[in-house]
Amino acid sequence: MTDKTEAAIATAAALLVLFTAMLDPRVSAGLAVVLMVVFAVLKLVSSRRKAP
């Protein structure tokens, strides 16, 4: 995963969490946790593909 892709995903996730915080803080917190886990899995899979 390139730095630009990583930054775009992180920015999109942050904006999504920010906008859902206006609706319901509990949903926003849950969404933030889910998105962090998904992002960590994507980074893990990406790093394992690079390793020889």
N, C-alpha and C. Protein backbone atom coordinates (compact mmCIF):
# COMPACT_ATOMS: atom_id res chain seq x y z
N MET A 1 0.85 -1.16 0.00
CA MET A 1 0.00 0.00 0.00
C MET A 1 0.90 1.23 0.00
N THR A 2 0.63 2.15 -0.90
CA THR A 2 1.45 3.36 -0.97
C THR A 2 1.06 4.35 0.11
N ASP A 3 1.92 5.32 0.31
CA ASP A 3 1.65 6.33 1.33
C ASP A 3 0.41 7.16 0.97
N LYS A 4 0.23 7.44 -0.32
CA LYS A 4 -0.94 8.22 -0.74
C LYS A 4 -2.23 7.46 -0.50
N THR A 5 -2.22 6.17 -0.78
CA THR A 5 -3.41 5.35 -0.56
C THR A 5 -3.72 5.27 0.93
N GLU A 6 -2.68 5.07 1.72
CA GLU A 6 -2.85 4.99 3.16
C GLU A 6 -3.42 6.30 3.72
N ALA A 7 -2.91 7.42 3.25
CA ALA A 7 -3.40 8.72 3.70
C ALA A 7 -4.85 8.96 3.28
N ALA A 8 -5.20 8.54 2.08
CA ALA A 8 -6.57 8.71 1.60
C ALA A 8 -7.55 7.87 2.42
N ILE A 9 -7.18 6.64 2.73
CA ILE A 9 -8.04 5.77 3.54
C ILE A 9 -8.20 6.34 4.95
N ALA A 10 -7.11 6.80 5.53
CA ALA A 10 -7.16 7.36 6.88
C ALA A 10 -8.01 8.63 6.92
N THR A 11 -7.88 9.46 5.91
CA THR A 11 -8.66 10.70 5.84
C THR A 11 -10.14 10.40 5.67
N ALA A 12 -10.47 9.45 4.81
CA ALA A 12 -11.87 9.08 4.59
C ALA A 12 -12.47 8.51 5.88
N ALA A 13 -11.71 7.69 6.57
CA ALA A 13 -12.20 7.11 7.82
C ALA A 13 -12.41 8.19 8.87
N ALA A 14 -11.49 9.14 8.95
CA ALA A 14 -11.62 10.22 9.93
C ALA A 14 -12.84 11.08 9.64
N LEU A 15 -13.07 11.40 8.39
CA LEU A 15 -14.24 12.20 8.03
C LEU A 15 -15.54 11.46 8.32
N LEU A 16 -15.57 10.18 8.04
CA LEU A 16 -16.76 9.38 8.31
C LEU A 16 -17.06 9.35 9.80
N VAL A 17 -16.04 9.16 10.61
CA VAL A 17 -16.23 9.14 12.07
C VAL A 17 -16.65 10.52 12.56
N LEU A 18 -16.07 11.58 11.99
CA LEU A 18 -16.43 12.94 12.38
C LEU A 18 -17.90 13.23 12.09
N PHE A 19 -18.37 12.85 10.92
CA PHE A 19 -19.75 13.13 10.56
C PHE A 19 -20.74 12.26 11.35
N THR A 20 -20.37 11.04 11.65
CA THR A 20 -21.28 10.20 12.45
C THR A 20 -21.31 10.65 13.90
N ALA A 21 -20.28 11.36 14.35
CA ALA A 21 -20.28 11.87 15.72
C ALA A 21 -21.39 12.89 15.93
N MET A 22 -21.78 13.58 14.87
CA MET A 22 -22.88 14.53 14.98
C MET A 22 -24.22 13.82 15.18
N LEU A 23 -24.32 12.59 14.70
CA LEU A 23 -25.57 11.86 14.81
C LEU A 23 -25.67 11.11 16.14
N ASP A 24 -24.67 10.29 16.44
CA ASP A 24 -24.69 9.51 17.68
C ASP A 24 -23.25 9.17 18.07
N PRO A 25 -22.81 9.66 19.21
CA PRO A 25 -21.42 9.42 19.63
C PRO A 25 -21.08 7.94 19.81
N ARG A 26 -22.04 7.14 20.26
CA ARG A 26 -21.77 5.71 20.46
C ARG A 26 -21.52 5.01 19.13
N VAL A 27 -22.30 5.37 18.13
CA VAL A 27 -22.10 4.79 16.80
C VAL A 27 -20.75 5.23 16.25
N SER A 28 -20.41 6.48 16.48
CA SER A 28 -19.12 7.00 16.02
C SER A 28 -17.95 6.26 16.66
N ALA A 29 -18.03 6.01 17.96
CA ALA A 29 -16.96 5.29 18.66
C ALA A 29 -16.84 3.87 18.14
N GLY A 30 -17.96 3.20 17.96
CA GLY A 30 -17.93 1.84 17.41
C GLY A 30 -17.37 1.80 16.01
N LEU A 31 -17.78 2.76 15.20
CA LEU A 31 -17.28 2.84 13.83
C LEU A 31 -15.78 3.10 13.80
N ALA A 32 -15.30 3.94 14.70
CA ALA A 32 -13.87 4.23 14.77
C ALA A 32 -13.08 2.97 15.09
N VAL A 33 -13.56 2.18 16.03
CA VAL A 33 -12.87 0.94 16.40
C VAL A 33 -12.86 -0.04 15.23
N VAL A 34 -14.00 -0.19 14.57
CA VAL A 34 -14.09 -1.10 13.43
C VAL A 34 -13.16 -0.66 12.32
N LEU A 35 -13.14 0.64 12.02
CA LEU A 35 -12.27 1.13 10.95
C LEU A 35 -10.79 0.97 11.28
N MET A 36 -10.43 1.14 12.56
CA MET A 36 -9.03 0.94 12.94
C MET A 36 -8.62 -0.52 12.78
N VAL A 37 -9.51 -1.43 13.13
CA VAL A 37 -9.21 -2.86 12.97
C VAL A 37 -9.07 -3.21 11.49
N VAL A 38 -9.98 -2.71 10.67
CA VAL A 38 -9.91 -2.97 9.23
C VAL A 38 -8.62 -2.42 8.65
N PHE A 39 -8.26 -1.21 9.05
CA PHE A 39 -7.03 -0.59 8.55
C PHE A 39 -5.80 -1.39 8.99
N ALA A 40 -5.80 -1.89 10.22
CA ALA A 40 -4.67 -2.70 10.70
C ALA A 40 -4.56 -4.00 9.92
N VAL A 41 -5.69 -4.63 9.62
CA VAL A 41 -5.67 -5.86 8.83
C VAL A 41 -5.16 -5.59 7.43
N LEU A 42 -5.60 -4.50 6.82
CA LEU A 42 -5.11 -4.14 5.48
C LEU A 42 -3.60 -3.92 5.47
N LYS A 43 -3.09 -3.23 6.49
CA LYS A 43 -1.65 -3.01 6.59
C LYS A 43 -0.90 -4.33 6.78
N LEU A 44 -1.46 -5.22 7.60
CA LEU A 44 -0.82 -6.51 7.84
C LEU A 44 -0.77 -7.34 6.56
N VAL A 45 -1.87 -7.40 5.86
CA VAL A 45 -1.92 -8.16 4.61
C VAL A 45 -0.97 -7.55 3.58
N SER A 46 -0.96 -6.23 3.51
CA SER A 46 -0.08 -5.54 2.57
C SER A 46 1.39 -5.80 2.88
N SER A 47 1.75 -5.79 4.17
CA SER A 47 3.15 -6.01 4.53
C SER A 47 3.58 -7.45 4.31
N ARG A 48 2.66 -8.39 4.47
CA ARG A 48 3.00 -9.80 4.23
C ARG A 48 3.18 -10.09 2.75
N ARG A 49 2.48 -9.38 1.91
CA ARG A 49 2.65 -9.58 0.46
C ARG A 49 3.99 -9.07 -0.03
N LYS A 50 4.51 -8.03 0.63
CA LYS A 50 5.80 -7.46 0.23
C LYS A 50 6.97 -8.34 0.65
N ALA A 51 6.83 -9.04 1.77
CA ALA A 51 7.93 -9.86 2.28
C ALA A 51 8.18 -11.06 1.36
N PRO A 52 9.45 -11.32 1.07
CA PRO A 52 9.78 -12.45 0.17
C PRO A 52 9.62 -13.80 0.85
